[in-house]
Amino acid sequence: MLSEVRRFYLGALKSDELNTRFGGPLFVFLLFSTSLFLFGSWVHDDGGAFTFAETFRLAEREDFAAFYRAGQMAGLGQAADAYDFFKFSELFSEGNKYLFFLNPPHALLFFEPLSLLSYPAAKGVFMALGLICLMLSVYVIRLHLGFWPYVFLLLSAGTFYSFQLLQLAPITTFLLLFALLFSRRHPVLSGLALAVLTIKPQYGLLAPIFLIARRDWHAFAVAALGSLVLMVLSLVIYGLPVWQAFLESMTGGVHSVQFQVLHNIMITAGNALGKFGAGTDVRMALQMLILFAMAGTVWIFARKFPREKAVAFSLMAMCLAAPSFFFYDWLFYAMALLLLLKVKPSWPLPLQAGAGLLWIAPVVHDMIYQYNEPVAFYFSGSIWFLAAVVLVLFWVYLRDEQTVDDTPVIGEKAFS
């Protein structure tokens, strides 16, 4: 009995394969040491993630309170007021006073049902759904390296920030990953996933480019129709004023404020340039230029490479193009790197160093911030450029492999 348990344990551990099929020793060391550090951080301070306030009014430093509050306002017939910062934030605690509601109106179709639950129950459901999506994201990649991919992801910066701030990133990451991987084999499910993803549209802006380039017309049609249905439902249920309020917030309201503020944990092209002194107009122009450049890049990746490699590269390009991208969104980069491990299990040392630094960049920022805030500010401005360099390095290293057909995607057996 003990020998069987030992055999099962060693098989799950897969330590030999971890050394040879997880990028390389430097990459593994960076992930392992950072995972230990974040585990200690969780033990020392969970950031209130496991503190269940009685109401959203008492919650501190929880972005989920914004989703819950918006859903509650929608249920009270005040959906348009969710885009009025002063009305929206007046009931929040001091720790949540500067929360905005930035999602499009059809997101209320999902948040309003949550608001029917008590705040602790809704928070518990939200956290459980996020955890399930994290596990499913790793599962569909199918690295066959035991529990290590799950451990590294659970103890990654993206997970840490997502659960400390209670953000949607675990859910949106799975939706986009699933949609891109399975758009040919399961077009209806993929299209529906992309339709739901439009509640956070900045992540899927270039997904239609990917689908068109891969000729996945069925998934594209389902995604377009699903998105249209959600928009129409929100118009029918909440009325035209909520969409007017949302569109106004895009130009002179909370969205414009969000773009102008130089958050340390916001990693976008425009934000990076702003941290080095660029004005708002220059930042906006660069952000648009990068968006179009990455659209072309995604098209090339989707046309040239096998699906799993195309998805990995495209995920990184979508992160670089996103007009809003925070440390809690680092799960997208994590999934791209895990996919690239599936494509090529062993990497040269410079690639291990670059990919490892990208994986742990939010943690490095936080460590620097403890000792020198100005240096951390400029370091955060450099992270976008690091991500761009890592994408180029991977492209150079893996560019020779091409495809002329749509090879089966990894993990398809799990959903066949």
Protein backbone atom coordinates (compact mmCIF):
# COMPACT_ATOMS: atom_id res chain seq x y z
CA MET A 1 0.00 0.00 0.00
CA LEU A 2 2.76 2.45 0.98
CA SER A 3 4.72 1.63 -2.16
CA GLU A 4 1.66 2.39 -4.28
CA VAL A 5 1.16 5.71 -2.51
CA ARG A 6 4.85 6.53 -3.01
CA ARG A 7 4.65 5.61 -6.70
CA PHE A 8 1.58 7.79 -7.14
CA TYR A 9 3.26 10.69 -5.32
CA LEU A 10 6.44 10.52 -7.39
CA GLY A 11 4.39 10.21 -10.55
CA ALA A 12 2.41 13.32 -9.64
CA LEU A 13 5.56 15.19 -8.65
CA LYS A 14 7.29 14.52 -11.98
CA SER A 15 10.43 16.24 -10.72
CA ASP A 16 12.63 14.88 -13.54
CA GLU A 17 10.23 16.12 -16.18
CA LEU A 18 9.97 19.45 -14.39
CA ASN A 19 13.72 19.95 -14.86
CA THR A 20 13.70 18.96 -18.52
CA ARG A 21 10.27 19.99 -19.85
CA PHE A 22 9.41 23.20 -18.03
CA GLY A 23 11.51 25.68 -19.97
CA GLY A 24 14.73 25.02 -18.11
CA PRO A 25 16.34 25.28 -14.66
CA LEU A 26 16.48 29.08 -14.59
CA PHE A 27 12.81 29.47 -15.52
CA VAL A 28 11.80 26.81 -12.97
CA PHE A 29 13.93 28.47 -10.28
CA LEU A 30 12.30 31.87 -10.89
CA LEU A 31 8.80 30.39 -10.77
CA PHE A 32 9.51 28.19 -7.76
CA SER A 33 11.13 30.92 -5.66
CA THR A 34 8.38 33.41 -6.52
CA SER A 35 5.71 30.84 -5.68
CA LEU A 36 7.28 30.33 -2.25
CA PHE A 37 7.42 34.09 -1.74
CA LEU A 38 3.76 34.56 -2.69
CA PHE A 39 2.73 31.63 -0.52
CA GLY A 40 4.39 33.40 2.40
CA SER A 41 2.64 36.62 1.42
CA TRP A 42 -0.73 34.87 1.45
CA VAL A 43 -0.03 33.42 4.89
CA HIS A 44 1.14 36.77 6.23
CA ASP A 45 -1.71 38.85 4.77
CA ASP A 46 -4.54 37.64 2.57
CA GLY A 47 -5.51 41.24 1.77
CA GLY A 48 -9.01 40.61 3.03
CA ALA A 49 -9.70 37.98 0.38
CA PHE A 50 -11.02 35.58 3.01
CA THR A 51 -12.75 38.23 5.08
CA PHE A 52 -16.44 38.25 4.21
CA ALA A 53 -17.93 41.65 5.00
CA GLU A 54 -21.62 41.66 5.90
CA THR A 55 -22.45 44.15 3.12
CA PHE A 56 -20.64 45.78 0.22
CA ARG A 57 -20.62 49.01 2.23
CA LEU A 58 -18.20 47.45 4.71
CA ALA A 59 -15.95 45.75 2.16
CA GLU A 60 -12.42 47.15 1.87
CA ARG A 61 -10.16 47.07 -1.20
CA GLU A 62 -12.43 44.72 -3.16
CA ASP A 63 -13.20 45.43 -6.80
CA PHE A 64 -15.99 42.88 -6.56
CA ALA A 65 -17.88 45.44 -4.48
CA ALA A 66 -18.16 47.53 -7.67
CA PHE A 67 -19.70 44.65 -9.61
CA TYR A 68 -22.09 43.91 -6.76
CA ARG A 69 -23.05 47.58 -6.35
CA ALA A 70 -23.68 47.97 -10.09
CA GLY A 71 -25.87 44.87 -10.11
CA GLN A 72 -27.80 46.18 -7.13
CA MET A 73 -28.35 49.57 -8.79
CA ALA A 74 -29.57 47.81 -11.94
CA GLY A 75 -32.05 45.84 -9.86
CA LEU A 76 -33.33 49.08 -8.33
CA GLY A 77 -33.89 50.65 -11.75
CA GLN A 78 -30.82 52.91 -11.44
CA ALA A 79 -28.58 51.22 -14.00
CA ALA A 80 -27.50 54.47 -15.68
CA ASP A 81 -26.34 55.87 -12.33
CA ALA A 82 -23.66 53.18 -12.17
CA TYR A 83 -21.67 55.37 -14.58
CA ASP A 84 -22.06 58.44 -12.36
CA PHE A 85 -19.00 58.24 -10.12
CA PHE A 86 -20.46 60.24 -7.24
CA LYS A 87 -23.76 58.35 -7.09
CA PHE A 88 -22.00 55.04 -7.60
CA SER A 89 -19.37 55.47 -4.89
CA GLU A 90 -21.36 57.27 -2.20
CA LEU A 91 -22.09 54.09 -0.21
CA PHE A 92 -18.62 52.55 -0.39
CA SER A 93 -16.17 52.31 2.50
CA GLU A 94 -13.06 54.50 2.53
CA GLY A 95 -11.01 51.66 1.06
CA ASN A 96 -13.35 51.43 -1.93
CA LYS A 97 -14.14 55.12 -2.40
CA TYR A 98 -12.37 55.35 -5.74
CA LEU A 99 -13.95 52.34 -7.41
CA PHE A 100 -15.45 52.93 -10.86
CA PHE A 101 -17.88 50.85 -12.86
CA LEU A 102 -16.29 50.56 -16.29
CA ASN A 103 -18.01 47.53 -17.80
CA PRO A 104 -20.54 47.89 -20.65
CA PRO A 105 -24.24 47.71 -19.71
CA HIS A 106 -24.78 44.09 -20.71
CA ALA A 107 -22.40 43.12 -17.88
CA LEU A 108 -25.28 44.04 -15.58
CA LEU A 109 -27.13 40.99 -16.89
CA PHE A 110 -24.58 38.90 -14.97
CA PHE A 111 -24.00 41.16 -11.98
CA GLU A 112 -27.66 41.78 -11.13
CA PRO A 113 -28.37 38.09 -10.32
CA LEU A 114 -25.29 38.05 -8.07
CA SER A 115 -26.61 41.08 -6.18
CA LEU A 116 -29.71 39.09 -5.24
CA LEU A 117 -27.49 37.05 -2.93
CA SER A 118 -26.10 38.42 0.30
CA TYR A 119 -22.71 40.05 -0.20
CA PRO A 120 -20.76 37.24 1.55
CA ALA A 121 -22.57 34.57 -0.47
CA ALA A 122 -22.04 36.45 -3.74
CA LYS A 123 -18.36 36.90 -2.94
CA GLY A 124 -18.03 33.19 -2.18
CA VAL A 125 -19.68 32.23 -5.47
CA PHE A 126 -17.46 34.69 -7.35
CA MET A 127 -14.27 33.31 -5.76
CA ALA A 128 -15.30 29.70 -6.37
CA LEU A 129 -16.05 30.44 -10.03
CA GLY A 130 -12.67 32.14 -10.40
CA LEU A 131 -10.87 29.17 -8.87
CA ILE A 132 -12.68 26.72 -11.14
CA CYS A 133 -11.76 28.81 -14.19
CA LEU A 134 -8.11 28.84 -13.11
CA MET A 135 -8.03 25.06 -12.86
CA LEU A 136 -9.84 24.63 -16.18
CA SER A 137 -7.41 26.98 -17.91
CA VAL A 138 -4.45 24.81 -16.93
CA TYR A 139 -6.38 21.62 -17.65
CA VAL A 140 -7.19 22.44 -21.28
CA ILE A 141 -3.51 23.13 -21.97
CA ARG A 142 -2.65 19.58 -20.83
CA LEU A 143 1.05 19.92 -20.05
CA HIS A 144 1.20 16.46 -18.41
CA LEU A 145 3.58 17.69 -15.73
CA GLY A 146 1.64 16.60 -12.69
CA PHE A 147 0.43 19.26 -10.31
CA TRP A 148 3.27 21.72 -11.00
CA PRO A 149 1.46 23.87 -13.60
CA TYR A 150 -1.47 24.19 -11.19
CA VAL A 151 0.81 25.09 -8.28
CA PHE A 152 2.76 27.67 -10.26
CA LEU A 153 -0.43 29.27 -11.54
CA LEU A 154 -2.18 29.31 -8.17
CA LEU A 155 0.91 30.92 -6.63
CA SER A 156 1.47 33.39 -9.48
CA ALA A 157 1.24 37.16 -9.45
CA GLY A 158 -1.91 37.15 -11.58
CA THR A 159 -3.74 34.90 -9.14
CA PHE A 160 -2.43 36.87 -6.16
CA TYR A 161 -3.72 40.18 -7.49
CA SER A 162 -6.96 38.72 -8.85
CA PHE A 163 -8.01 37.29 -5.51
CA GLN A 164 -6.59 40.07 -3.36
CA LEU A 165 -8.62 42.61 -5.36
CA LEU A 166 -11.40 40.18 -6.35
CA GLN A 167 -11.22 40.82 -10.07
CA LEU A 168 -12.66 38.99 -13.09
CA ALA A 169 -9.30 37.97 -14.58
CA PRO A 170 -9.50 34.22 -13.81
CA ILE A 171 -12.86 34.07 -15.58
CA THR A 172 -11.95 36.25 -18.56
CA THR A 173 -8.65 34.41 -19.01
CA PHE A 174 -10.41 31.07 -19.29
CA LEU A 175 -13.06 32.44 -21.65
CA LEU A 176 -10.49 33.83 -24.09
CA LEU A 177 -8.16 30.84 -23.85
CA PHE A 178 -10.98 28.36 -24.42
CA ALA A 179 -12.46 30.37 -27.28
CA LEU A 180 -9.18 30.60 -29.20
CA LEU A 181 -8.15 26.99 -28.63
CA PHE A 182 -11.50 25.43 -29.52
CA SER A 183 -12.97 27.80 -32.11
CA ARG A 184 -12.71 25.12 -34.81
CA ARG A 185 -13.72 22.02 -32.84
CA HIS A 186 -16.38 23.63 -30.63
CA PRO A 187 -17.46 26.81 -32.43
CA VAL A 188 -20.72 27.33 -30.54
CA LEU A 189 -19.12 27.14 -27.10
CA SER A 190 -16.19 29.26 -28.27
CA GLY A 191 -18.48 31.88 -29.75
CA LEU A 192 -20.56 32.03 -26.59
CA ALA A 193 -17.39 32.38 -24.51
CA LEU A 194 -16.33 35.38 -26.61
CA ALA A 195 -19.81 36.89 -26.34
CA VAL A 196 -19.62 36.73 -22.54
CA LEU A 197 -16.06 38.09 -22.69
CA THR A 198 -17.44 41.34 -24.12
CA ILE A 199 -18.30 42.37 -20.55
CA LYS A 200 -14.53 43.05 -20.42
CA PRO A 201 -14.05 44.06 -24.07
CA GLN A 202 -10.44 45.25 -23.79
CA TYR A 203 -9.21 41.65 -23.65
CA GLY A 204 -10.95 40.35 -26.73
CA LEU A 205 -10.54 43.30 -29.09
CA LEU A 206 -8.38 41.27 -31.46
CA ALA A 207 -10.17 37.94 -31.06
CA PRO A 208 -12.27 38.55 -34.23
CA ILE A 209 -9.02 39.04 -36.18
CA PHE A 210 -7.82 35.65 -34.96
CA LEU A 211 -11.08 33.91 -35.91
CA ILE A 212 -11.18 35.47 -39.36
CA ALA A 213 -7.53 34.61 -40.02
CA ARG A 214 -8.16 30.99 -39.00
CA ARG A 215 -11.35 30.92 -41.11
CA ASP A 216 -13.39 29.96 -38.06
CA TRP A 217 -16.55 31.50 -39.45
CA HIS A 218 -18.98 29.49 -37.33
CA ALA A 219 -17.39 30.64 -34.06
CA PHE A 220 -17.20 34.20 -35.39
CA ALA A 221 -20.91 34.21 -36.25
CA VAL A 222 -21.92 32.78 -32.86
CA ALA A 223 -19.75 35.35 -31.07
CA ALA A 224 -21.22 38.23 -33.07
CA LEU A 225 -24.80 37.04 -32.63
CA GLY A 226 -24.29 36.32 -28.94
CA SER A 227 -22.83 39.78 -28.35
CA LEU A 228 -25.73 41.38 -30.21
CA VAL A 229 -28.26 39.42 -28.14
CA LEU A 230 -26.62 40.55 -24.90
CA MET A 231 -26.67 44.18 -26.03
CA VAL A 232 -30.32 43.99 -27.09
CA LEU A 233 -31.29 42.34 -23.81
CA SER A 234 -29.57 45.11 -21.87
CA LEU A 235 -31.44 47.71 -23.93
CA VAL A 236 -34.77 45.99 -23.33
CA ILE A 237 -34.22 45.46 -19.61
CA TYR A 238 -32.34 48.62 -18.62
CA GLY A 239 -33.32 51.05 -21.37
CA LEU A 240 -31.43 53.33 -23.73
CA PRO A 241 -30.22 55.80 -21.03
CA VAL A 242 -27.79 53.25 -19.60
CA TRP A 243 -26.03 52.93 -22.95
CA GLN A 244 -25.99 56.70 -23.35
CA ALA A 245 -24.41 57.02 -19.91
CA PHE A 246 -21.85 54.36 -20.78
CA LEU A 247 -20.86 56.02 -24.07
CA GLU A 248 -20.59 59.41 -22.37
CA SER A 249 -18.30 57.89 -19.75
CA MET A 250 -16.00 56.76 -22.58
CA THR A 251 -15.25 60.34 -23.61
CA GLY A 252 -15.57 62.56 -20.57
CA GLY A 253 -16.36 60.33 -17.64
CA VAL A 254 -14.82 57.55 -15.61
CA HIS A 255 -13.14 55.87 -18.58
CA SER A 256 -11.19 59.00 -19.49
CA VAL A 257 -10.10 59.40 -15.86
CA GLN A 258 -8.95 55.78 -15.80
CA PHE A 259 -6.83 56.30 -18.91
CA GLN A 260 -5.18 59.48 -17.65
CA VAL A 261 -4.14 58.16 -14.23
CA LEU A 262 -0.68 56.56 -14.28
CA HIS A 263 -1.27 53.50 -12.12
CA ASN A 264 1.81 51.55 -11.09
CA ILE A 265 -0.03 48.29 -11.65
CA MET A 266 -1.44 49.29 -15.05
CA ILE A 267 0.74 47.98 -17.87
CA THR A 268 -0.30 49.32 -21.27
CA ALA A 269 1.58 51.00 -24.10
CA GLY A 270 0.02 54.39 -23.39
CA ASN A 271 0.52 54.10 -19.65
CA ALA A 272 4.14 53.04 -20.09
CA LEU A 273 4.86 56.06 -22.27
CA GLY A 274 3.12 58.34 -19.77
CA LYS A 275 5.40 57.13 -16.98
CA PHE A 276 8.33 58.41 -19.00
CA GLY A 277 6.78 61.84 -19.52
CA ALA A 278 4.53 61.63 -22.59
CA GLY A 279 1.34 63.69 -22.69
CA THR A 280 -2.19 62.35 -22.99
CA ASP A 281 -2.49 62.97 -26.75
CA VAL A 282 0.79 61.19 -27.49
CA ARG A 283 -0.20 58.28 -25.25
CA MET A 284 -3.57 57.96 -26.97
CA ALA A 285 -1.97 58.04 -30.42
CA LEU A 286 0.56 55.39 -29.44
CA GLN A 287 -2.14 53.19 -27.93
CA MET A 288 -4.11 53.29 -31.19
CA LEU A 289 -0.97 52.64 -33.24
CA ILE A 290 -0.08 49.62 -31.10
CA LEU A 291 -3.64 48.31 -31.40
CA PHE A 292 -3.46 48.34 -35.20
CA ALA A 293 0.07 46.91 -35.20
CA MET A 294 -0.94 44.06 -32.91
CA ALA A 295 -4.02 43.40 -35.06
CA GLY A 296 -1.70 42.77 -37.99
CA THR A 297 0.56 40.69 -35.77
CA VAL A 298 -2.32 38.49 -34.61
CA TRP A 299 -3.37 38.01 -38.24
CA ILE A 300 0.13 36.81 -39.16
CA PHE A 301 0.38 34.51 -36.15
CA ALA A 302 -3.04 32.99 -36.80
CA ARG A 303 -2.30 32.39 -40.49
CA LYS A 304 1.25 31.10 -40.12
CA PHE A 305 1.46 28.89 -37.05
CA PRO A 306 -0.22 25.75 -35.66
CA ARG A 307 -3.10 26.58 -33.38
CA GLU A 308 -1.47 26.24 -29.97
CA LYS A 309 1.50 28.36 -30.97
CA ALA A 310 -0.76 30.87 -32.72
CA VAL A 311 -2.92 31.14 -29.59
CA ALA A 312 0.10 31.65 -27.33
CA PHE A 313 1.59 34.38 -29.52
CA SER A 314 -1.80 36.01 -30.07
CA LEU A 315 -2.54 36.10 -26.34
CA MET A 316 0.70 38.01 -25.77
CA ALA A 317 -0.08 40.38 -28.63
CA MET A 318 -3.59 40.98 -27.23
CA CYS A 319 -2.06 41.83 -23.86
CA LEU A 320 0.27 44.34 -25.50
CA ALA A 321 -2.63 45.91 -27.41
CA ALA A 322 -5.09 46.13 -24.50
CA PRO A 323 -6.01 49.73 -23.55
CA SER A 324 -6.52 48.56 -19.96
CA PHE A 325 -4.29 45.87 -18.47
CA PHE A 326 -3.36 45.46 -14.81
CA PHE A 327 -1.24 43.11 -12.72
CA TYR A 328 -4.29 40.96 -12.05
CA ASP A 329 -4.46 40.35 -15.80
CA TRP A 330 -1.04 38.66 -15.66
CA LEU A 331 -2.89 35.36 -15.94
CA PHE A 332 -3.06 35.97 -19.70
CA TYR A 333 0.74 36.07 -19.91
CA ALA A 334 0.94 33.00 -17.68
CA MET A 335 -1.36 31.04 -20.00
CA ALA A 336 0.61 32.13 -23.06
CA LEU A 337 3.85 30.93 -21.47
CA LEU A 338 2.30 27.61 -20.42
CA LEU A 339 1.13 27.10 -24.00
CA LEU A 340 4.63 27.83 -25.26
CA LEU A 341 5.96 25.18 -22.86
CA LYS A 342 3.62 22.74 -24.59
CA VAL A 343 4.96 23.81 -27.98
CA LYS A 344 8.64 23.74 -26.96
CA PRO A 345 9.42 22.29 -23.52
CA SER A 346 13.08 23.38 -23.41
CA TRP A 347 14.20 26.99 -23.92
CA PRO A 348 17.62 28.61 -24.32
CA LEU A 349 18.94 30.53 -21.31
CA PRO A 350 18.13 34.07 -22.58
CA LEU A 351 14.55 33.00 -23.25
CA GLN A 352 14.26 31.42 -19.80
CA ALA A 353 15.49 34.67 -18.25
CA GLY A 354 13.12 36.88 -20.25
CA ALA A 355 10.08 34.65 -19.79
CA GLY A 356 10.84 34.18 -16.10
CA LEU A 357 11.19 37.90 -15.50
CA LEU A 358 7.92 38.50 -17.33
CA TRP A 359 6.16 35.89 -15.16
CA ILE A 360 7.44 37.45 -11.92
CA ALA A 361 7.47 41.13 -13.00
CA PRO A 362 4.57 42.22 -10.72
CA VAL A 363 6.32 40.65 -7.72
CA VAL A 364 9.61 42.35 -8.59
CA HIS A 365 7.74 45.65 -8.83
CA ASP A 366 6.18 45.17 -5.40
CA MET A 367 9.53 44.33 -3.83
CA ILE A 368 11.12 47.45 -5.34
CA TYR A 369 8.13 49.53 -4.23
CA GLN A 370 8.80 48.66 -0.59
CA TYR A 371 12.18 50.40 -0.77
CA ASN A 372 11.99 53.00 -3.52
CA GLU A 373 8.64 54.12 -4.94
CA PRO A 374 10.04 56.26 -7.81
CA VAL A 375 12.19 53.38 -9.06
CA ALA A 376 9.18 51.05 -8.87
CA PHE A 377 7.17 53.58 -10.88
CA TYR A 378 9.69 53.60 -13.72
CA PHE A 379 10.17 49.84 -13.49
CA SER A 380 6.43 49.39 -14.02
CA GLY A 381 6.75 51.61 -17.08
CA SER A 382 9.39 49.26 -18.51
CA ILE A 383 7.36 46.05 -18.06
CA TRP A 384 5.33 46.60 -21.24
CA PHE A 385 8.58 46.80 -23.23
CA LEU A 386 9.84 43.64 -21.50
CA ALA A 387 6.70 41.79 -22.61
CA ALA A 388 7.19 43.01 -26.19
CA VAL A 389 10.82 41.82 -26.17
CA VAL A 390 9.81 38.40 -24.82
CA LEU A 391 7.23 38.02 -27.60
CA VAL A 392 9.87 38.88 -30.22
CA LEU A 393 12.36 36.42 -28.67
CA PHE A 394 9.82 33.60 -28.76
CA TRP A 395 8.89 34.45 -32.33
CA VAL A 396 12.55 34.34 -33.40
CA TYR A 397 13.12 31.06 -31.58
CA LEU A 398 9.97 29.30 -32.81
CA ARG A 399 9.24 30.97 -36.14
CA ASP A 400 10.40 28.11 -38.40
CA GLU A 401 7.44 25.84 -37.62
CA GLN A 402 4.53 26.54 -39.98
CA THR A 403 1.23 24.94 -40.89
CA VAL A 404 -1.07 24.79 -43.89
CA ASP A 405 -3.99 23.14 -42.15
CA ASP A 406 -5.81 23.39 -38.85
CA THR A 407 -4.10 20.78 -36.68
CA PRO A 408 -6.04 19.45 -33.67
CA VAL A 409 -5.64 21.66 -30.66
CA ILE A 410 -4.17 20.43 -27.42
CA GLY A 411 -6.64 19.30 -24.84
CA GLU A 412 -9.39 18.57 -27.37
CA LYS A 413 -10.03 15.10 -25.94
CA ALA A 414 -11.18 16.71 -22.72
CA PHE A 415 -14.06 18.39 -24.54
CA SER A 416 -14.79 15.93 -27.36
